[in-house]
C-alpha cells in the first residue's frame, strides 16, 4: 500500500505535540520496562511472551505516529526523536523534535539527519 506523505507546517506539527509526546512517552516507558525485564531474565527473551507483548505494543505506538504522519527515529529508545515531513524554502525537509525539547524549533534535510539540524527560519514559525 502506498501512502501519500503528509507535510506539516511548523505550527501544524506543534499542534500534534501533546499527542506525539504521549505516544513517545509510551514508547520510551515500554522499552525501558522491556530492558529491565530482559535483565531480570538474563536476556533470555527470544520466546518470552511478556517481551513479545511489549514489543507488539511498541510497534503499535510507532504505527500511531505514522498514522499522524510523523516518523519515529530513536532506535536506541533513549531520547524519543521524531521527524515531521515539511517543506521549507521549496525543499523537502524533516522538522525535528525530541522529548527534551519544549517545542519544534529545528529541521534538517532528508540526508543529513539529526547532526545537520538547523533552526527553522522565523518566517515559518
N, C-alpha and C. Protein backbone atom coordinates (compact mmCIF):
# COMPACT_ATOMS: atom_id res chain seq x y z
N UNK A 1 0.84 -1.18 0.00
CA UNK A 1 0.00 0.00 0.00
C UNK A 1 0.88 1.24 0.00
N UNK A 2 0.66 2.13 -0.91
CA UNK A 2 1.41 3.38 -0.99
C UNK A 2 0.61 4.46 -0.29
N UNK A 3 1.26 5.14 0.65
CA UNK A 3 0.59 6.24 1.34
C UNK A 3 1.24 7.55 0.92
N UNK A 4 0.42 8.55 0.84
CA UNK A 4 0.90 9.87 0.46
C UNK A 4 1.53 10.55 1.68
N UNK A 5 2.67 11.19 1.46
CA UNK A 5 3.35 11.88 2.56
C UNK A 5 2.53 13.08 3.00
N UNK A 6 2.33 13.19 4.30
CA UNK A 6 1.69 14.38 4.86
C UNK A 6 2.80 15.36 5.20
N UNK A 7 2.68 16.57 4.69
CA UNK A 7 3.64 17.62 5.00
C UNK A 7 3.04 18.54 6.05
N UNK A 8 3.82 18.80 7.09
CA UNK A 8 3.40 19.66 8.19
C UNK A 8 4.03 21.04 8.05
N UNK A 9 3.27 22.07 8.34
CA UNK A 9 3.90 23.36 8.61
C UNK A 9 4.43 23.25 10.04
N UNK A 10 5.37 24.09 10.42
CA UNK A 10 5.82 24.03 11.82
C UNK A 10 4.67 24.18 12.82
N UNK A 11 3.73 25.06 12.55
CA UNK A 11 2.62 25.24 13.51
C UNK A 11 1.72 24.01 13.55
N UNK A 12 1.50 23.35 12.42
CA UNK A 12 0.71 22.12 12.42
C UNK A 12 1.42 21.03 13.22
N UNK A 13 2.73 20.92 13.05
CA UNK A 13 3.49 19.92 13.79
C UNK A 13 3.42 20.19 15.29
N UNK A 14 3.54 21.45 15.67
CA UNK A 14 3.49 21.82 17.10
C UNK A 14 2.12 21.45 17.69
N UNK A 15 1.06 21.61 16.91
CA UNK A 15 -0.28 21.26 17.40
C UNK A 15 -0.41 19.77 17.70
N UNK A 16 0.37 18.93 17.04
CA UNK A 16 0.30 17.49 17.30
C UNK A 16 1.14 17.08 18.51
N UNK A 17 1.99 17.99 19.01
CA UNK A 17 2.94 17.61 20.05
C UNK A 17 2.32 17.00 21.31
N UNK A 18 1.18 17.47 21.82
CA UNK A 18 0.64 16.81 23.01
C UNK A 18 0.39 15.31 22.78
N UNK A 19 -0.19 14.96 21.64
CA UNK A 19 -0.43 13.56 21.33
C UNK A 19 0.88 12.83 21.04
N UNK A 20 1.74 13.43 20.23
CA UNK A 20 3.03 12.81 19.90
C UNK A 20 3.85 12.59 21.16
N UNK A 21 3.87 13.58 22.02
CA UNK A 21 4.63 13.47 23.27
C UNK A 21 4.12 12.28 24.11
N UNK A 22 2.81 12.10 24.18
CA UNK A 22 2.23 10.99 24.94
C UNK A 22 2.61 9.65 24.32
N UNK A 23 2.51 9.54 23.00
CA UNK A 23 2.85 8.29 22.34
C UNK A 23 4.34 7.96 22.53
N UNK A 24 5.20 8.97 22.39
CA UNK A 24 6.63 8.74 22.56
C UNK A 24 6.93 8.37 24.01
N UNK A 25 6.25 8.98 24.94
CA UNK A 25 6.40 8.61 26.35
C UNK A 25 6.04 7.13 26.55
N UNK A 26 4.96 6.68 25.90
CA UNK A 26 4.56 5.27 25.98
C UNK A 26 5.65 4.37 25.38
N UNK A 27 6.22 4.78 24.26
CA UNK A 27 7.30 4.01 23.63
C UNK A 27 8.49 3.89 24.58
N UNK A 28 8.93 5.02 25.12
CA UNK A 28 10.11 5.02 25.98
C UNK A 28 9.87 4.25 27.28
N UNK A 29 8.69 4.40 27.86
CA UNK A 29 8.38 3.67 29.09
C UNK A 29 8.32 2.16 28.84
N UNK A 30 7.71 1.77 27.74
CA UNK A 30 7.59 0.34 27.44
C UNK A 30 8.95 -0.27 27.14
N UNK A 31 9.76 0.42 26.36
CA UNK A 31 11.09 -0.14 26.04
C UNK A 31 11.99 -0.16 27.27
N UNK A 32 11.84 0.82 28.16
CA UNK A 32 12.59 0.81 29.43
C UNK A 32 12.18 -0.41 30.26
N UNK A 33 10.87 -0.66 30.32
CA UNK A 33 10.37 -1.83 31.04
C UNK A 33 10.88 -3.12 30.40
N UNK A 34 10.94 -3.15 29.08
CA UNK A 34 11.46 -4.33 28.38
C UNK A 34 12.91 -4.59 28.75
N UNK A 35 13.73 -3.53 28.77
CA UNK A 35 15.14 -3.69 29.12
C UNK A 35 15.30 -4.21 30.55
N UNK A 36 14.54 -3.65 31.48
CA UNK A 36 14.62 -4.09 32.88
C UNK A 36 14.19 -5.55 33.01
N UNK A 37 13.12 -5.89 32.36
CA UNK A 37 12.64 -7.28 32.41
C UNK A 37 13.66 -8.23 31.78
N UNK A 38 14.23 -7.83 30.64
CA UNK A 38 15.24 -8.66 29.97
C UNK A 38 16.43 -8.90 30.90
N UNK A 39 16.83 -7.88 31.65
CA UNK A 39 17.91 -8.06 32.63
C UNK A 39 17.51 -9.07 33.69
N UNK A 40 16.26 -8.97 34.15
CA UNK A 40 15.79 -9.89 35.19
C UNK A 40 15.80 -11.35 34.74
N UNK A 41 15.58 -11.56 33.44
CA UNK A 41 15.55 -12.94 32.95
C UNK A 41 16.84 -13.28 32.20
N UNK A 42 17.89 -12.53 32.52
CA UNK A 42 19.22 -12.77 31.97
C UNK A 42 19.26 -12.79 30.44
N UNK A 43 18.45 -11.92 29.82
CA UNK A 43 18.49 -11.78 28.36
C UNK A 43 17.86 -12.90 27.58
N UNK A 44 17.20 -13.82 28.25
CA UNK A 44 16.56 -14.96 27.57
C UNK A 44 15.18 -14.53 27.06
N UNK A 45 15.16 -13.66 26.05
CA UNK A 45 13.92 -13.03 25.61
C UNK A 45 13.30 -13.63 24.36
N UNK A 46 14.03 -14.51 23.71
CA UNK A 46 13.62 -14.98 22.38
C UNK A 46 12.17 -15.45 22.31
N UNK A 47 11.72 -16.24 23.23
CA UNK A 47 10.36 -16.78 23.19
C UNK A 47 9.51 -16.31 24.36
N UNK A 48 9.92 -15.26 25.02
CA UNK A 48 9.22 -14.79 26.21
C UNK A 48 7.93 -14.08 25.81
N UNK A 49 6.77 -14.52 26.30
CA UNK A 49 5.50 -13.91 25.90
C UNK A 49 5.35 -12.46 26.39
N UNK A 50 5.92 -12.15 27.55
CA UNK A 50 5.83 -10.79 28.07
C UNK A 50 6.61 -9.81 27.17
N UNK A 51 7.81 -10.19 26.77
CA UNK A 51 8.61 -9.37 25.87
C UNK A 51 7.88 -9.21 24.53
N UNK A 52 7.32 -10.30 24.03
CA UNK A 52 6.60 -10.26 22.76
C UNK A 52 5.42 -9.28 22.84
N UNK A 53 4.68 -9.33 23.93
CA UNK A 53 3.53 -8.43 24.11
C UNK A 53 3.99 -6.96 24.16
N UNK A 54 5.07 -6.71 24.89
CA UNK A 54 5.57 -5.33 24.97
C UNK A 54 6.09 -4.86 23.60
N UNK A 55 6.77 -5.74 22.87
CA UNK A 55 7.26 -5.38 21.54
C UNK A 55 6.10 -5.05 20.61
N UNK A 56 5.03 -5.81 20.71
CA UNK A 56 3.84 -5.52 19.89
C UNK A 56 3.24 -4.18 20.27
N UNK A 57 3.27 -3.85 21.54
CA UNK A 57 2.77 -2.53 21.99
C UNK A 57 3.61 -1.42 21.38
N UNK A 58 4.93 -1.57 21.41
CA UNK A 58 5.82 -0.55 20.84
C UNK A 58 5.55 -0.41 19.35
N UNK A 59 5.39 -1.52 18.65
CA UNK A 59 5.07 -1.46 17.23
C UNK A 59 3.77 -0.71 17.00
N UNK A 60 2.78 -0.93 17.85
CA UNK A 60 1.51 -0.22 17.75
C UNK A 60 1.67 1.28 17.97
N UNK A 61 2.49 1.66 18.95
CA UNK A 61 2.73 3.08 19.21
C UNK A 61 3.41 3.74 18.00
N UNK A 62 4.38 3.05 17.43
CA UNK A 62 5.09 3.60 16.27
C UNK A 62 4.12 3.74 15.10
N UNK A 63 3.23 2.78 14.94
CA UNK A 63 2.22 2.86 13.88
C UNK A 63 1.30 4.07 14.11
N UNK A 64 0.96 4.34 15.37
CA UNK A 64 0.15 5.52 15.68
C UNK A 64 0.85 6.80 15.20
N UNK A 65 2.15 6.89 15.46
CA UNK A 65 2.91 8.06 14.99
C UNK A 65 2.87 8.15 13.48
N UNK A 66 3.03 7.02 12.80
CA UNK A 66 3.00 7.01 11.34
C UNK A 66 1.63 7.44 10.82
N UNK A 67 0.56 7.06 11.52
CA UNK A 67 -0.78 7.46 11.11
C UNK A 67 -0.99 8.96 11.25
N UNK A 68 -0.33 9.55 12.23
CA UNK A 68 -0.37 11.02 12.38
C UNK A 68 0.38 11.67 11.23
N UNK A 69 1.41 10.97 10.73
CA UNK A 69 2.21 11.49 9.62
C UNK A 69 3.66 11.73 9.99
N UNK A 70 4.05 11.40 11.21
CA UNK A 70 5.44 11.62 11.61
C UNK A 70 6.21 10.30 11.67
N UNK A 71 7.51 10.41 11.89
CA UNK A 71 8.42 9.28 11.78
C UNK A 71 9.23 9.17 13.07
N UNK A 72 9.17 8.00 13.71
CA UNK A 72 9.97 7.77 14.91
C UNK A 72 11.39 7.41 14.49
N UNK A 73 12.40 8.08 15.09
CA UNK A 73 13.78 7.89 14.64
C UNK A 73 14.76 7.42 15.72
N UNK A 74 14.32 7.25 16.92
CA UNK A 74 15.23 6.89 18.01
C UNK A 74 15.23 5.38 18.23
N UNK A 75 16.03 4.66 17.46
CA UNK A 75 16.01 3.20 17.54
C UNK A 75 16.81 2.66 18.72
N UNK A 76 17.44 3.54 19.50
CA UNK A 76 18.02 3.14 20.79
C UNK A 76 17.00 3.31 21.91
N UNK A 77 15.89 3.96 21.59
CA UNK A 77 14.79 4.18 22.54
C UNK A 77 15.27 4.86 23.82
N UNK A 78 16.01 5.98 23.63
CA UNK A 78 16.52 6.70 24.79
C UNK A 78 16.09 8.17 24.83
N UNK A 79 15.93 8.81 23.66
CA UNK A 79 15.61 10.25 23.66
C UNK A 79 14.30 10.59 22.96
N UNK A 80 13.67 9.64 22.32
CA UNK A 80 12.38 9.90 21.69
C UNK A 80 12.44 10.91 20.57
N UNK A 81 13.20 10.64 19.56
CA UNK A 81 13.37 11.54 18.41
C UNK A 81 12.30 11.28 17.37
N UNK A 82 11.62 12.37 16.93
CA UNK A 82 10.55 12.27 15.94
C UNK A 82 10.76 13.32 14.86
N UNK A 83 10.54 12.91 13.60
CA UNK A 83 10.62 13.83 12.46
C UNK A 83 9.24 14.00 11.84
N UNK A 84 9.00 15.21 11.33
CA UNK A 84 7.76 15.56 10.66
C UNK A 84 8.09 16.06 9.26
N UNK A 85 7.63 15.40 8.21
CA UNK A 85 7.90 15.89 6.85
C UNK A 85 7.36 17.31 6.67
N UNK A 86 8.12 18.12 5.98
CA UNK A 86 7.74 19.52 5.79
C UNK A 86 8.41 20.04 4.51
N UNK A 87 8.04 21.25 4.14
CA UNK A 87 8.66 21.96 3.03
C UNK A 87 9.15 23.31 3.56
N UNK A 88 10.43 23.57 3.42
CA UNK A 88 10.99 24.87 3.81
C UNK A 88 11.82 25.37 2.64
N UNK A 89 11.56 26.60 2.25
CA UNK A 89 12.25 27.23 1.12
C UNK A 89 12.17 26.34 -0.13
N UNK A 90 10.99 25.71 -0.33
CA UNK A 90 10.77 24.89 -1.50
C UNK A 90 11.43 23.53 -1.49
N UNK A 91 12.09 23.19 -0.38
CA UNK A 91 12.80 21.91 -0.27
C UNK A 91 12.09 20.99 0.71
N UNK A 92 12.07 19.71 0.38
CA UNK A 92 11.52 18.72 1.30
C UNK A 92 12.52 18.52 2.44
N UNK A 93 12.04 18.69 3.67
CA UNK A 93 12.88 18.59 4.87
C UNK A 93 12.11 17.81 5.93
N UNK A 94 12.76 17.61 7.06
CA UNK A 94 12.13 16.99 8.21
C UNK A 94 12.25 17.91 9.41
N UNK A 95 11.09 18.33 9.93
CA UNK A 95 11.09 19.05 11.20
C UNK A 95 11.49 18.04 12.26
N UNK A 96 12.30 18.47 13.21
CA UNK A 96 12.93 17.52 14.12
C UNK A 96 12.62 17.92 15.57
N UNK A 97 12.12 16.95 16.33
CA UNK A 97 11.79 17.17 17.74
C UNK A 97 12.22 15.97 18.56
N UNK A 98 12.67 16.24 19.77
CA UNK A 98 12.94 15.16 20.71
C UNK A 98 12.37 15.53 22.07
N UNK A 99 12.20 14.54 22.92
CA UNK A 99 11.42 14.70 24.14
C UNK A 99 11.96 15.73 25.12
N UNK A 100 13.23 16.06 25.03
CA UNK A 100 13.76 17.05 25.97
C UNK A 100 13.59 18.48 25.44
N UNK A 101 12.89 18.63 24.33
CA UNK A 101 12.63 19.96 23.75
C UNK A 101 11.17 20.33 23.97
N UNK A 102 10.95 21.58 24.34
CA UNK A 102 9.60 22.05 24.63
C UNK A 102 8.73 22.11 23.38
N UNK A 103 9.33 22.50 22.27
CA UNK A 103 8.58 22.65 21.03
C UNK A 103 9.48 22.28 19.85
N UNK A 104 8.96 22.49 18.65
CA UNK A 104 9.72 22.16 17.44
C UNK A 104 10.40 23.43 16.93
N UNK A 105 11.72 23.47 17.01
CA UNK A 105 12.49 24.63 16.58
C UNK A 105 13.49 24.32 15.47
N UNK A 106 13.66 23.05 15.13
CA UNK A 106 14.73 22.67 14.21
C UNK A 106 14.21 21.81 13.07
N UNK A 107 14.99 21.78 12.00
CA UNK A 107 14.73 20.90 10.87
C UNK A 107 16.06 20.45 10.31
N UNK A 108 16.01 19.44 9.45
CA UNK A 108 17.22 19.02 8.72
C UNK A 108 16.77 18.49 7.36
N UNK A 109 17.72 18.47 6.41
CA UNK A 109 17.35 17.92 5.11
C UNK A 109 17.24 16.41 5.22
N UNK A 110 16.77 15.78 4.18
CA UNK A 110 16.47 14.35 4.22
C UNK A 110 17.71 13.50 4.42
N UNK A 111 18.87 13.99 4.02
CA UNK A 111 20.09 13.20 4.08
C UNK A 111 20.95 13.44 5.31
N UNK A 112 20.86 14.62 5.92
CA UNK A 112 21.81 14.95 6.99
C UNK A 112 21.43 14.40 8.35
N UNK A 113 20.18 14.21 8.62
CA UNK A 113 19.77 13.68 9.92
C UNK A 113 19.97 14.67 11.06
N UNK A 114 19.86 14.15 12.27
CA UNK A 114 19.90 14.97 13.48
C UNK A 114 21.14 15.86 13.54
N UNK A 115 22.28 15.34 13.13
CA UNK A 115 23.53 16.12 13.22
C UNK A 115 23.51 17.34 12.31
N UNK A 116 22.62 17.37 11.32
CA UNK A 116 22.55 18.51 10.41
C UNK A 116 21.41 19.47 10.74
N UNK A 117 20.94 19.43 11.97
CA UNK A 117 19.80 20.29 12.34
C UNK A 117 20.13 21.77 12.20
N UNK A 118 19.12 22.51 11.74
CA UNK A 118 19.20 23.98 11.63
C UNK A 118 17.94 24.55 12.26
N UNK A 119 18.05 25.76 12.74
CA UNK A 119 16.88 26.43 13.32
C UNK A 119 15.88 26.75 12.19
N UNK A 120 14.61 26.51 12.47
CA UNK A 120 13.56 26.83 11.49
C UNK A 120 13.54 28.34 11.30
N UNK A 121 13.57 28.82 10.04
CA UNK A 121 13.53 30.28 9.81
C UNK A 121 12.30 30.92 10.44
N UNK A 122 12.50 32.08 11.00
CA UNK A 122 11.44 32.80 11.73
C UNK A 122 10.16 32.94 10.93
N UNK A 123 10.28 33.16 9.61
CA UNK A 123 9.07 33.36 8.78
C UNK A 123 8.20 32.11 8.68
N UNK A 124 8.73 30.95 9.07
CA UNK A 124 7.95 29.72 9.03
C UNK A 124 7.30 29.39 10.38
N UNK A 125 7.69 30.13 11.41
CA UNK A 125 7.14 29.86 12.74
C UNK A 125 5.85 30.63 13.00
